[in-house]
Every structure is written in C-alpha cells, then in structure tokens.
Amino acid sequence: MLRKRGTGFGGGLPTTFNQPSSKVSDGSGKSIKMESPLAKAIRSADGFIKGTYIWFFISLFFIWGGWSWIRRNSASTVLDCN
C-alpha cells in the first residue's frame, strides 16, 4: 500500500538549519551529487564484468577496422572480353 510521508520536522525538504554545522548549504549546488545510472552501474560492477565489456568493445572495434581495411584494400580483377 502507498503511504503518505510524514510532514513533521524530518519529512520535508532539507534546509540549512536541518543539516550538520560542518556542511552549510551556500546555494551553489555543490552538495547535490548527480550521476548517471550507467556511471553508477560501471562503478559498482566487479572486475570480471568490466573486463568483459572492455573485451567486447575492443572486439567490435577490431571487427569494424578489419572490415573497413578489407573493403579499402582488396584487389579486384575485371575481365573485358572483346
């Protein structure tokens, strides 16, 4: 079930008097940490997953590069029978 959040002292928007004295909000937005979901997923993934993705993208790069090289540098022979 959905419940309404309390509207008491701790339930509203954060204000400067509600924060610890070491972190006083100056209105600059430096205290707001915004990070994309992709960056969070990459940072929290283990080494095996990161290595797998690196291997995958390097493989795609080499496949694309090889295909481009073959298309540019392949020899062709044209026969004209007169």
C-alpha atoms as a PDB file:
ATOM      1  CA  MET A   1       0.000   0.000   0.000  1.00  0.00           C
ATOM      2  CA  LEU A   2       1.054   3.560  -0.567  1.00  0.00           C
ATOM      3  CA  ARG A   3       1.521   5.692   2.496  1.00  0.00           C
ATOM      4  CA  LYS A   4       1.845   9.419   2.792  1.00  0.00           C
ATOM      5  CA  ARG A   5       5.189  10.540   4.142  1.00  0.00           C
ATOM      6  CA  GLY A   6       5.212  12.357   7.416  1.00  0.00           C
ATOM      7  CA  THR A   7       5.208  16.125   7.155  1.00  0.00           C
ATOM      8  CA  GLY A   8       6.906  16.667  10.517  1.00  0.00           C
ATOM      9  CA  PHE A   9      10.347  18.106  11.106  1.00  0.00           C
ATOM     10  CA  GLY A  10      12.256  15.405   9.194  1.00  0.00           C
ATOM     11  CA  GLY A  11       9.785  14.790   6.382  1.00  0.00           C
ATOM     12  CA  GLY A  12      10.087  17.977   4.359  1.00  0.00           C
ATOM     13  CA  LEU A  13      12.735  19.394   2.085  1.00  0.00           C
ATOM     14  CA  PRO A  14      16.225  19.753   3.538  1.00  0.00           C
ATOM     15  CA  THR A  15      17.016  23.189   4.898  1.00  0.00           C
ATOM     16  CA  THR A  16      20.179  24.771   6.226  1.00  0.00           C
ATOM     17  CA  PHE A  17      19.139  24.521   9.887  1.00  0.00           C
ATOM     18  CA  ASN A  18      18.372  20.818   9.435  1.00  0.00           C
ATOM     19  CA  GLN A  19      21.923  19.948   8.286  1.00  0.00           C
ATOM     20  CA  PRO A  20      25.041  19.395  10.376  1.00  0.00           C
ATOM     21  CA  SER A  21      27.096  22.501  11.057  1.00  0.00           C
ATOM     22  CA  SER A  22      30.071  21.231   9.014  1.00  0.00           C
ATOM     23  CA  LYS A  23      28.016  21.206   5.798  1.00  0.00           C
ATOM     24  CA  VAL A  24      26.258  24.515   5.451  1.00  0.00           C
ATOM     25  CA  SER A  25      24.402  24.956   2.188  1.00  0.00           C
ATOM     26  CA  ASP A  26      25.524  28.042   0.353  1.00  0.00           C
ATOM     27  CA  GLY A  27      23.076  27.617  -2.516  1.00  0.00           C
ATOM     28  CA  SER A  28      25.753  26.710  -5.058  1.00  0.00           C
ATOM     29  CA  GLY A  29      24.529  23.170  -5.669  1.00  0.00           C
ATOM     30  CA  LYS A  30      27.892  21.576  -4.817  1.00  0.00           C
ATOM     31  CA  SER A  31      26.209  19.357  -2.255  1.00  0.00           C
ATOM     32  CA  ILE A  32      23.952  17.820  -4.917  1.00  0.00           C
ATOM     33  CA  LYS A  33      25.546  14.710  -6.381  1.00  0.00           C
ATOM     34  CA  MET A  34      24.066  13.810  -9.736  1.00  0.00           C
ATOM     35  CA  GLU A  35      25.394  10.748 -11.518  1.00  0.00           C
ATOM     36  CA  SER A  36      24.022   8.836 -14.457  1.00  0.00           C
ATOM     37  CA  PRO A  37      22.724   5.303 -13.886  1.00  0.00           C
ATOM     38  CA  LEU A  38      25.311   3.990 -16.350  1.00  0.00           C
ATOM     39  CA  ALA A  39      28.182   5.519 -14.362  1.00  0.00           C
ATOM     40  CA  LYS A  40      26.787   4.023 -11.143  1.00  0.00           C
ATOM     41  CA  ALA A  41      26.493   0.596 -12.773  1.00  0.00           C
ATOM     42  CA  ILE A  42      30.049   0.738 -14.099  1.00  0.00           C
ATOM     43  CA  ARG A  43      31.482   1.836 -10.765  1.00  0.00           C
ATOM     44  CA  SER A  44      29.633  -0.834  -8.804  1.00  0.00           C
ATOM     45  CA  ALA A  45      30.383  -3.707 -11.250  1.00  0.00           C
ATOM     46  CA  ASP A  46      33.088  -6.209 -10.399  1.00  0.00           C
ATOM     47  CA  GLY A  47      36.296  -6.619 -12.390  1.00  0.00           C
ATOM     48  CA  PHE A  48      35.081  -9.580 -14.433  1.00  0.00           C
ATOM     49  CA  ILE A  49      32.102  -7.626 -15.810  1.00  0.00           C
ATOM     50  CA  LYS A  50      34.261  -4.591 -16.596  1.00  0.00           C
ATOM     51  CA  GLY A  51      36.792  -6.803 -18.370  1.00  0.00           C
ATOM     52  CA  THR A  52      34.049  -8.500 -20.359  1.00  0.00           C
ATOM     53  CA  TYR A  53      32.678  -5.184 -21.583  1.00  0.00           C
ATOM     54  CA  ILE A  54      36.166  -3.910 -22.457  1.00  0.00           C
ATOM     55  CA  TRP A  55      36.870  -7.126 -24.390  1.00  0.00           C
ATOM     56  CA  PHE A  56      33.517  -6.822 -26.191  1.00  0.00           C
ATOM     57  CA  PHE A  57      34.080  -3.233 -27.334  1.00  0.00           C
ATOM     58  CA  ILE A  58      37.678  -3.896 -28.372  1.00  0.00           C
ATOM     59  CA  SER A  59      36.475  -6.893 -30.389  1.00  0.00           C
ATOM     60  CA  LEU A  60      33.825  -4.781 -32.105  1.00  0.00           C
ATOM     61  CA  PHE A  61      36.439  -2.137 -32.893  1.00  0.00           C
ATOM     62  CA  PHE A  62      38.766  -4.710 -34.477  1.00  0.00           C
ATOM     63  CA  ILE A  63      35.932  -6.268 -36.494  1.00  0.00           C
ATOM     64  CA  TRP A  64      34.914  -2.842 -37.797  1.00  0.00           C
ATOM     65  CA  GLY A  65      38.520  -1.857 -38.517  1.00  0.00           C
ATOM     66  CA  GLY A  66      39.261  -5.137 -40.291  1.00  0.00           C
ATOM     67  CA  TRP A  67      36.133  -4.911 -42.394  1.00  0.00           C
ATOM     68  CA  SER A  68      36.978  -1.329 -43.382  1.00  0.00           C
ATOM     69  CA  TRP A  69      40.557  -2.304 -44.247  1.00  0.00           C
ATOM     70  CA  ILE A  70      39.375  -5.245 -46.376  1.00  0.00           C
ATOM     71  CA  ARG A  71      36.892  -3.036 -48.252  1.00  0.00           C
ATOM     72  CA  ARG A  72      39.523  -0.372 -48.951  1.00  0.00           C
ATOM     73  CA  ASN A  73      42.491  -2.550 -49.816  1.00  0.00           C
ATOM     74  CA  SER A  74      41.061  -5.602 -51.503  1.00  0.00           C
ATOM     75  CA  ALA A  75      42.186  -6.264 -55.012  1.00  0.00           C
ATOM     76  CA  SER A  76      39.745  -6.793 -57.807  1.00  0.00           C
ATOM     77  CA  THR A  77      40.171  -8.037 -61.302  1.00  0.00           C
ATOM     78  CA  VAL A  78      37.896  -7.037 -64.142  1.00  0.00           C
ATOM     79  CA  LEU A  79      37.948  -9.012 -67.382  1.00  0.00           C
ATOM     80  CA  ASP A  80      36.649  -7.477 -70.552  1.00  0.00           C
ATOM     81  CA  CYS A  81      36.146  -9.995 -73.328  1.00  0.00           C
ATOM     82  CA  ASN A  82      36.017  -8.270 -76.714  1.00  0.00           C
END
